[in-house]
Amino acid sequence: MRKPRDFDAELKALEEKARQIKVSKLQQLGELVIATGADALSADELAGALIVLAETKDAGKREAWAKRGAAFFQGRSRRTASAPDRDAGGAATQPGGAPSASGGAGAS
């Protein structure tokens, strides 16, 4: 005869795993904000920019943003050894990224 499954224990384990995934996601998002230099923005500015991004349905804009993001990560992986370059790159990327928030165009 087989041992009955402990559904409560399995459910607890799944809930713990889901919690760990959420914590990891939050940590990665925070690291991304810092890596891009967006931590220099106020919370209101950052929230506003993210809202515009999330509301944008224009596939062309989303594609351009995706390409720019991929380029950011590819460029970053080549410079993993030099943190000062990464910081300077993040600062240089952020001002270019702020106008590209297309807040005016995206919100229209």
C-alpha atoms as a PDB file:
ATOM      1  CA  MET A   1       0.000   0.000   0.000  1.00  0.00           C
ATOM      2  CA  ARG A   2       1.312   3.430  -0.923  1.00  0.00           C
ATOM      3  CA  LYS A   3       1.827   6.224   1.541  1.00  0.00           C
ATOM      4  CA  PRO A   4      -0.834   8.926   1.120  1.00  0.00           C
ATOM      5  CA  ARG A   5       0.356  12.291  -0.230  1.00  0.00           C
ATOM      6  CA  ASP A   6       0.670  15.130   2.212  1.00  0.00           C
ATOM      7  CA  PHE A   7      -1.112  17.834   0.246  1.00  0.00           C
ATOM      8  CA  ASP A   8      -0.678  20.406   2.998  1.00  0.00           C
ATOM      9  CA  ALA A   9       3.100  19.965   3.017  1.00  0.00           C
ATOM     10  CA  GLU A  10       3.229  20.125  -0.795  1.00  0.00           C
ATOM     11  CA  LEU A  11       1.119  23.290  -0.776  1.00  0.00           C
ATOM     12  CA  LYS A  12       3.372  24.866   1.853  1.00  0.00           C
ATOM     13  CA  ALA A  13       6.446  24.024  -0.227  1.00  0.00           C
ATOM     14  CA  LEU A  14       4.876  25.558  -3.334  1.00  0.00           C
ATOM     15  CA  GLU A  15       3.899  28.699  -1.427  1.00  0.00           C
ATOM     16  CA  GLU A  16       7.455  29.037  -0.102  1.00  0.00           C
ATOM     17  CA  LYS A  17       8.878  28.616  -3.592  1.00  0.00           C
ATOM     18  CA  ALA A  18       6.468  31.268  -4.937  1.00  0.00           C
ATOM     19  CA  ARG A  19       7.535  33.621  -2.137  1.00  0.00           C
ATOM     20  CA  GLN A  20      11.208  33.061  -2.966  1.00  0.00           C
ATOM     21  CA  ILE A  21      10.547  33.774  -6.648  1.00  0.00           C
ATOM     22  CA  LYS A  22       8.769  37.038  -5.765  1.00  0.00           C
ATOM     23  CA  VAL A  23      11.655  38.115  -3.519  1.00  0.00           C
ATOM     24  CA  SER A  24      14.152  37.286  -6.261  1.00  0.00           C
ATOM     25  CA  LYS A  25      12.120  39.249  -8.813  1.00  0.00           C
ATOM     26  CA  LEU A  26      11.998  42.301  -6.559  1.00  0.00           C
ATOM     27  CA  GLN A  27      15.744  42.110  -5.970  1.00  0.00           C
ATOM     28  CA  GLN A  28      16.454  41.831  -9.696  1.00  0.00           C
ATOM     29  CA  LEU A  29      14.194  44.807 -10.455  1.00  0.00           C
ATOM     30  CA  GLY A  30      16.032  46.874  -7.854  1.00  0.00           C
ATOM     31  CA  GLU A  31      19.375  45.865  -9.328  1.00  0.00           C
ATOM     32  CA  LEU A  32      18.127  46.834 -12.784  1.00  0.00           C
ATOM     33  CA  VAL A  33      17.029  50.259 -11.583  1.00  0.00           C
ATOM     34  CA  ILE A  34      20.475  50.842 -10.096  1.00  0.00           C
ATOM     35  CA  ALA A  35      22.371  49.427 -13.093  1.00  0.00           C
ATOM     36  CA  THR A  36      20.548  51.700 -15.535  1.00  0.00           C
ATOM     37  CA  GLY A  37      21.092  54.780 -13.399  1.00  0.00           C
ATOM     38  CA  ALA A  38      17.358  55.172 -12.866  1.00  0.00           C
ATOM     39  CA  ASP A  39      17.940  55.290  -9.106  1.00  0.00           C
ATOM     40  CA  ALA A  40      18.892  58.954  -9.661  1.00  0.00           C
ATOM     41  CA  LEU A  41      15.246  59.660 -10.545  1.00  0.00           C
ATOM     42  CA  SER A  42      12.670  60.449  -7.902  1.00  0.00           C
ATOM     43  CA  ALA A  43      10.147  57.741  -7.117  1.00  0.00           C
ATOM     44  CA  ASP A  44       7.442  59.836  -8.791  1.00  0.00           C
ATOM     45  CA  GLU A  45       9.488  60.257 -11.982  1.00  0.00           C
ATOM     46  CA  LEU A  46      10.349  56.579 -12.135  1.00  0.00           C
ATOM     47  CA  ALA A  47       6.763  55.502 -11.473  1.00  0.00           C
ATOM     48  CA  GLY A  48       5.475  57.909 -14.127  1.00  0.00           C
ATOM     49  CA  ALA A  49       7.944  56.645 -16.720  1.00  0.00           C
ATOM     50  CA  LEU A  50       7.090  53.025 -15.948  1.00  0.00           C
ATOM     51  CA  ILE A  51       3.370  53.734 -16.204  1.00  0.00           C
ATOM     52  CA  VAL A  52       3.873  55.295 -19.647  1.00  0.00           C
ATOM     53  CA  LEU A  53       5.924  52.275 -20.707  1.00  0.00           C
ATOM     54  CA  ALA A  54       3.332  49.822 -19.431  1.00  0.00           C
ATOM     55  CA  GLU A  55       0.466  51.695 -21.106  1.00  0.00           C
ATOM     56  CA  THR A  56       2.208  52.006 -24.480  1.00  0.00           C
ATOM     57  CA  LYS A  57       0.628  49.744 -27.083  1.00  0.00           C
ATOM     58  CA  ASP A  58       2.754  50.989 -30.018  1.00  0.00           C
ATOM     59  CA  ALA A  59       4.613  47.858 -31.146  1.00  0.00           C
ATOM     60  CA  GLY A  60       7.308  49.925 -32.858  1.00  0.00           C
ATOM     61  CA  LYS A  61       8.197  51.767 -29.660  1.00  0.00           C
ATOM     62  CA  ARG A  62       8.160  48.585 -27.625  1.00  0.00           C
ATOM     63  CA  GLU A  63      10.434  46.898 -30.181  1.00  0.00           C
ATOM     64  CA  ALA A  64      12.863  49.847 -30.080  1.00  0.00           C
ATOM     65  CA  TRP A  65      12.903  49.767 -26.272  1.00  0.00           C
ATOM     66  CA  ALA A  66      13.503  46.013 -26.318  1.00  0.00           C
ATOM     67  CA  LYS A  67      16.448  46.436 -28.720  1.00  0.00           C
ATOM     68  CA  ARG A  68      17.906  49.180 -26.564  1.00  0.00           C
ATOM     69  CA  GLY A  69      17.534  47.016 -23.465  1.00  0.00           C
ATOM     70  CA  ALA A  70      19.182  44.054 -25.174  1.00  0.00           C
ATOM     71  CA  ALA A  71      22.050  46.303 -26.266  1.00  0.00           C
ATOM     72  CA  PHE A  72      22.398  47.523 -22.674  1.00  0.00           C
ATOM     73  CA  PHE A  73      22.756  43.981 -21.360  1.00  0.00           C
ATOM     74  CA  GLN A  74      25.121  42.912 -24.154  1.00  0.00           C
ATOM     75  CA  GLY A  75      27.337  45.940 -23.607  1.00  0.00           C
ATOM     76  CA  ARG A  76      27.281  45.352 -19.881  1.00  0.00           C
ATOM     77  CA  SER A  77      28.354  41.727 -20.153  1.00  0.00           C
ATOM     78  CA  ARG A  78      31.455  42.770 -22.105  1.00  0.00           C
ATOM     79  CA  ARG A  79      32.460  45.237 -19.395  1.00  0.00           C
ATOM     80  CA  THR A  80      31.844  43.187 -16.258  1.00  0.00           C
ATOM     81  CA  ALA A  81      35.414  43.699 -15.017  1.00  0.00           C
ATOM     82  CA  SER A  82      35.394  47.508 -14.971  1.00  0.00           C
ATOM     83  CA  ALA A  83      32.824  48.882 -12.528  1.00  0.00           C
ATOM     84  CA  PRO A  84      33.752  52.565 -13.131  1.00  0.00           C
ATOM     85  CA  ASP A  85      32.956  52.167 -16.824  1.00  0.00           C
ATOM     86  CA  ARG A  86      29.646  50.560 -15.962  1.00  0.00           C
ATOM     87  CA  ASP A  87      28.734  53.432 -13.643  1.00  0.00           C
ATOM     88  CA  ALA A  88      29.680  55.991 -16.280  1.00  0.00           C
ATOM     89  CA  GLY A  89      27.793  54.007 -18.903  1.00  0.00           C
ATOM     90  CA  GLY A  90      24.721  53.891 -16.712  1.00  0.00           C
ATOM     91  CA  ALA A  91      24.872  57.620 -16.173  1.00  0.00           C
ATOM     92  CA  ALA A  92      25.313  58.179 -19.898  1.00  0.00           C
ATOM     93  CA  THR A  93      22.467  55.794 -20.720  1.00  0.00           C
ATOM     94  CA  GLN A  94      20.036  57.370 -18.281  1.00  0.00           C
ATOM     95  CA  PRO A  95      19.914  60.866 -19.780  1.00  0.00           C
ATOM     96  CA  GLY A  96      19.390  59.337 -23.231  1.00  0.00           C
ATOM     97  CA  GLY A  97      16.822  57.007 -21.681  1.00  0.00           C
ATOM     98  CA  ALA A  98      14.874  59.762 -19.971  1.00  0.00           C
ATOM     99  CA  PRO A  99      13.877  61.586 -23.163  1.00  0.00           C
ATOM    100  CA  SER A 100      13.223  58.243 -24.845  1.00  0.00           C
ATOM    101  CA  ALA A 101      10.600  57.569 -22.189  1.00  0.00           C
ATOM    102  CA  SER A 102       8.517  59.063 -24.959  1.00  0.00           C
ATOM    103  CA  GLY A 103       6.325  60.354 -22.206  1.00  0.00           C
ATOM    104  CA  GLY A 104       4.957  62.993 -24.515  1.00  0.00           C
ATOM    105  CA  ALA A 105       4.664  60.757 -27.535  1.00  0.00           C
ATOM    106  CA  GLY A 106       3.774  57.573 -25.656  1.00  0.00           C
ATOM    107  CA  ALA A 107       1.064  59.220 -23.614  1.00  0.00           C
ATOM    108  CA  SER A 108      -0.515  60.768 -26.691  1.00  0.00           C
END
